[in-house]
Protein backbone atom coordinates (compact mmCIF):
# COMPACT_ATOMS: atom_id res chain seq x y z
CA MET A 1 -141.45 130.51 17.40
CA ASN A 2 -142.03 130.26 21.02
CA PRO A 3 -145.36 129.71 21.21
CA LYS A 4 -146.09 131.39 24.48
CA THR A 5 -144.44 134.75 23.62
CA SER A 6 -145.10 134.97 19.85
CA ALA A 7 -147.69 136.36 18.03
CA LEU A 8 -148.45 135.95 13.69
CA ILE A 9 -149.90 139.33 12.23
CA LEU A 10 -152.18 138.97 9.47
CA GLY A 11 -152.19 142.46 7.91
CA ASP A 12 -155.49 143.03 6.64
CA LEU A 13 -156.28 139.82 4.91
CA GLN A 14 -159.79 140.61 4.05
CA ASN A 15 -162.50 140.05 1.68
CA ASP A 16 -162.51 143.77 0.72
CA PHE A 17 -159.36 143.74 -0.06
CA LEU A 18 -158.79 140.03 -1.54
CA HIS A 19 -161.89 138.60 -2.69
CA PRO A 20 -163.04 139.10 -6.26
CA ASP A 21 -166.80 140.57 -4.92
CA GLY A 22 -164.94 142.86 -2.26
CA ALA A 23 -164.27 146.74 -3.34
CA TYR A 24 -161.00 146.40 -4.40
CA GLY A 25 -161.71 143.58 -6.53
CA ARG A 26 -165.02 145.13 -8.31
CA ALA A 27 -162.43 148.13 -8.97
CA GLY A 28 -160.43 145.59 -10.80
CA GLN A 29 -157.40 146.81 -7.98
CA SER A 30 -155.28 143.60 -8.03
CA HIS A 31 -152.37 142.04 -8.15
CA PRO A 32 -151.10 138.38 -8.82
CA SER A 33 -148.50 138.31 -5.72
CA ILE A 34 -151.82 139.88 -3.60
CA ALA A 35 -154.21 137.33 -4.80
CA ALA A 36 -151.89 134.26 -3.69
CA LEU A 37 -151.29 135.22 -0.11
CA PRO A 38 -154.28 133.19 1.39
CA ASP A 39 -153.49 130.03 -0.27
CA ARG A 40 -149.83 130.56 0.74
CA LEU A 41 -150.18 131.56 4.50
CA ALA A 42 -152.83 128.60 4.93
CA PRO A 43 -150.37 126.30 5.87
CA LEU A 44 -148.47 128.69 8.27
CA VAL A 45 -151.75 130.02 10.05
CA ARG A 46 -152.76 126.25 10.59
CA ALA A 47 -149.39 125.18 12.11
CA ALA A 48 -149.78 128.40 14.19
CA ARG A 49 -153.15 127.63 15.41
CA THR A 50 -152.03 124.32 15.99
CA ARG A 51 -149.28 125.17 18.39
CA GLY A 52 -150.97 127.84 20.09
CA VAL A 53 -149.41 130.82 18.35
CA LEU A 54 -151.74 133.64 19.06
CA ILE A 55 -152.90 134.84 15.64
CA VAL A 56 -154.07 138.37 15.29
CA ALA A 57 -155.70 139.78 12.11
CA THR A 58 -155.76 143.74 11.79
CA LEU A 59 -158.41 145.04 9.81
CA PHE A 60 -158.34 148.31 7.90
CA THR A 61 -161.33 149.96 8.73
CA LEU A 62 -163.40 152.95 7.29
CA VAL A 63 -165.68 154.57 9.95
CA PRO A 64 -168.65 156.20 8.66
CA GLY A 65 -169.01 159.99 9.05
CA ARG A 66 -171.76 162.33 7.77
CA ASP A 67 -174.47 160.59 5.93
CA GLY A 68 -172.84 157.46 6.50
CA GLU A 69 -170.30 158.38 3.77
CA PRO A 70 -166.68 156.70 5.48
CA ILE A 71 -164.05 159.28 6.66
CA MET A 72 -161.28 158.83 4.75
CA SER A 73 -157.92 160.99 4.64
CA PRO A 74 -157.27 163.07 1.40
CA HIS A 75 -154.30 160.91 0.39
CA LEU A 76 -156.82 157.94 0.34
CA LYS A 77 -159.15 159.41 -1.42
CA THR A 78 -156.67 160.44 -4.38
CA LEU A 79 -154.93 156.95 -4.08
CA ARG A 80 -158.10 154.69 -4.34
CA PRO A 81 -161.52 157.03 -5.75
CA PHE A 82 -163.42 153.83 -5.70
CA LEU A 83 -163.92 153.08 -2.31
CA ALA A 84 -167.41 154.00 -0.87
CA LYS A 85 -170.02 153.73 0.87
CA GLY A 86 -170.31 150.57 3.04
CA ASP A 87 -166.85 149.13 1.76
CA PHE A 88 -164.29 148.05 4.74
CA ALA A 89 -167.42 149.27 7.45
CA SER A 90 -166.95 147.99 10.99
CA GLY A 91 -168.43 144.56 11.26
CA SER A 92 -169.34 144.11 7.55
CA TRP A 93 -168.31 141.28 5.42
CA GLY A 94 -165.79 143.29 3.56
CA GLN A 95 -164.08 144.30 6.42
CA GLN A 96 -163.77 140.52 7.72
CA LEU A 97 -160.41 138.88 7.50
CA ILE A 98 -160.64 135.90 4.37
CA ASP A 99 -162.25 132.78 5.28
CA ALA A 100 -159.23 130.78 4.00
CA LEU A 101 -157.32 131.86 6.97
CA ALA A 102 -159.79 132.41 9.66
CA PRO A 103 -160.64 132.51 12.56
CA ALA A 104 -157.83 134.67 14.40
CA ASP A 105 -157.78 134.47 18.22
CA VAL A 106 -157.71 138.96 18.20
CA THR A 107 -158.84 141.37 16.07
CA VAL A 108 -157.94 144.84 15.66
CA GLU A 109 -159.52 147.74 13.68
CA LYS A 110 -156.93 149.71 12.63
CA VAL A 111 -157.45 153.29 10.69
CA ALA A 112 -154.13 154.02 9.68
CA TYR A 113 -151.23 152.90 7.82
CA SER A 114 -149.79 151.43 11.27
CA ALA A 115 -151.97 149.16 13.07
CA PHE A 116 -151.10 150.59 16.08
CA HIS A 117 -152.00 154.12 15.31
CA MET A 118 -155.31 154.75 18.03
CA SER A 119 -156.00 150.78 18.30
CA ARG A 120 -155.84 148.24 21.17
CA LEU A 121 -153.14 146.42 19.92
CA GLU A 122 -150.39 146.84 21.67
CA TRP A 123 -152.72 146.52 24.91
CA ALA A 124 -154.32 143.08 23.60
CA LEU A 125 -149.97 142.14 23.00
CA ARG A 126 -148.77 142.99 26.28
CA LYS A 127 -151.72 141.17 28.10
CA CYS A 128 -151.36 138.44 26.11
CA GLY A 129 -147.46 137.96 27.17
CA ILE A 130 -146.49 138.79 23.40
CA GLU A 131 -142.70 139.84 22.54
CA HIS A 132 -141.96 138.49 19.34
CA LEU A 133 -144.11 139.37 15.87
CA PHE A 134 -144.18 137.46 12.85
CA PHE A 135 -145.68 139.61 10.42
CA THR A 136 -147.28 139.34 7.33
CA GLY A 137 -150.07 140.93 5.11
CA ILE A 138 -150.51 143.73 2.31
CA VAL A 139 -149.18 146.18 1.36
CA THR A 140 -145.73 145.57 2.19
CA SER A 141 -144.40 149.08 1.62
CA GLY A 142 -147.47 150.41 3.10
CA GLY A 143 -149.63 148.74 6.74
CA VAL A 144 -146.89 145.95 7.01
CA ALA A 145 -143.80 148.24 6.84
CA SER A 146 -145.43 150.92 9.24
CA THR A 147 -146.66 148.54 11.70
CA LEU A 148 -143.28 146.80 11.43
CA ARG A 149 -141.50 150.12 12.36
CA ASP A 150 -144.12 150.86 14.74
CA ALA A 151 -143.31 147.68 16.92
CA HIS A 152 -139.59 147.51 16.54
CA VAL A 153 -140.14 151.35 18.41
CA ARG A 154 -142.18 149.64 20.99
CA GLU A 155 -139.60 146.82 21.77
CA PHE A 156 -141.33 143.91 20.02
CA GLU A 157 -139.03 141.13 18.37
CA CYS A 158 -140.03 141.65 14.96
CA THR A 159 -139.98 138.91 11.86
CA LEU A 160 -140.72 139.80 8.56
CA ILE A 161 -142.13 136.63 6.28
CA SER A 162 -141.21 138.29 3.38
CA ASP A 163 -143.07 135.37 1.07
CA GLY A 164 -146.19 136.35 3.05
CA CYS A 165 -146.51 140.00 2.21
CA ALA A 166 -146.93 141.95 -0.79
CA ALA A 167 -147.76 144.90 -2.60
CA PHE A 168 -149.42 146.22 -6.08
CA SER A 169 -145.65 145.65 -7.67
CA ASP A 170 -142.99 143.05 -7.31
CA GLU A 171 -140.50 145.90 -7.23
CA VAL A 172 -142.26 147.76 -4.55
CA HIS A 173 -142.51 144.49 -2.28
CA ARG A 174 -138.56 143.67 -2.64
CA ALA A 175 -137.24 147.34 -1.88
CA ALA A 176 -139.89 147.61 1.29
CA VAL A 177 -138.14 144.27 2.53
CA GLU A 178 -134.86 145.16 1.96
CA GLY A 179 -135.84 148.64 3.86
CA LEU A 180 -136.95 146.43 6.86
CA ARG A 181 -133.54 144.29 7.00
CA PRO A 182 -132.00 146.74 9.77
CA ILE A 183 -135.14 146.22 12.18
CA GLY A 184 -136.22 143.15 11.69
CA THR A 185 -135.26 139.12 10.89
CA ILE A 186 -136.27 138.28 7.33
CA SER A 187 -137.91 134.88 7.16
CA THR A 188 -140.09 132.78 4.59
CA VAL A 189 -143.02 131.16 5.23
CA ALA A 190 -141.48 127.22 5.10
CA GLU A 191 -138.93 128.62 7.63
CA ALA A 192 -141.68 130.20 10.01
CA ILE A 193 -143.19 126.79 9.52
CA ALA A 194 -140.01 125.10 10.65
CA SER A 195 -139.25 127.34 13.55
CA ILE A 196 -143.19 126.64 15.13
CA GLY A 197 -142.18 122.83 14.61
CA ASN A 198 -139.01 123.47 16.19
CA GLY A 199 -140.39 125.77 19.14
């Protein structure tokens, strides 16, 4: 992992997803693998920060529309009917990167599965000279997979840190990892930490 050309992507590791007082926590929507991510990733984030690897947090955001109600796709409304006014709002506590992993060097608001869609992510990465992206976050089959595939199309080198990602089902997580093997390197947190030390 070359610190000058690598970025560690922290995908949607936000209070509203992970904290017990966040939107998903209040609705009882979690999974042990998701809950374990902050502690599992903290050593990697510390190592990356120490070596000067760019740390990028993508932050799922619900943009307020009429009467302050969040603009949501029909798909998301059906999938997560508990999401309400104020959840994942820009600048809110719920939208922010969870404390155990903060701060990030770059934060990017995202409004779709792919963090590249209608965002400044590619612009920021190119301006910072980034060529290789190391992906962590939630959920493996959604935002992580979509952003990694989008990065691949944009000719970034991609590495998925498989135990640094999670989904609401371990089976879905494993299937998503297998599906990404053709377009990226599969690594682990321990291997990524070692590669930073050797970079």
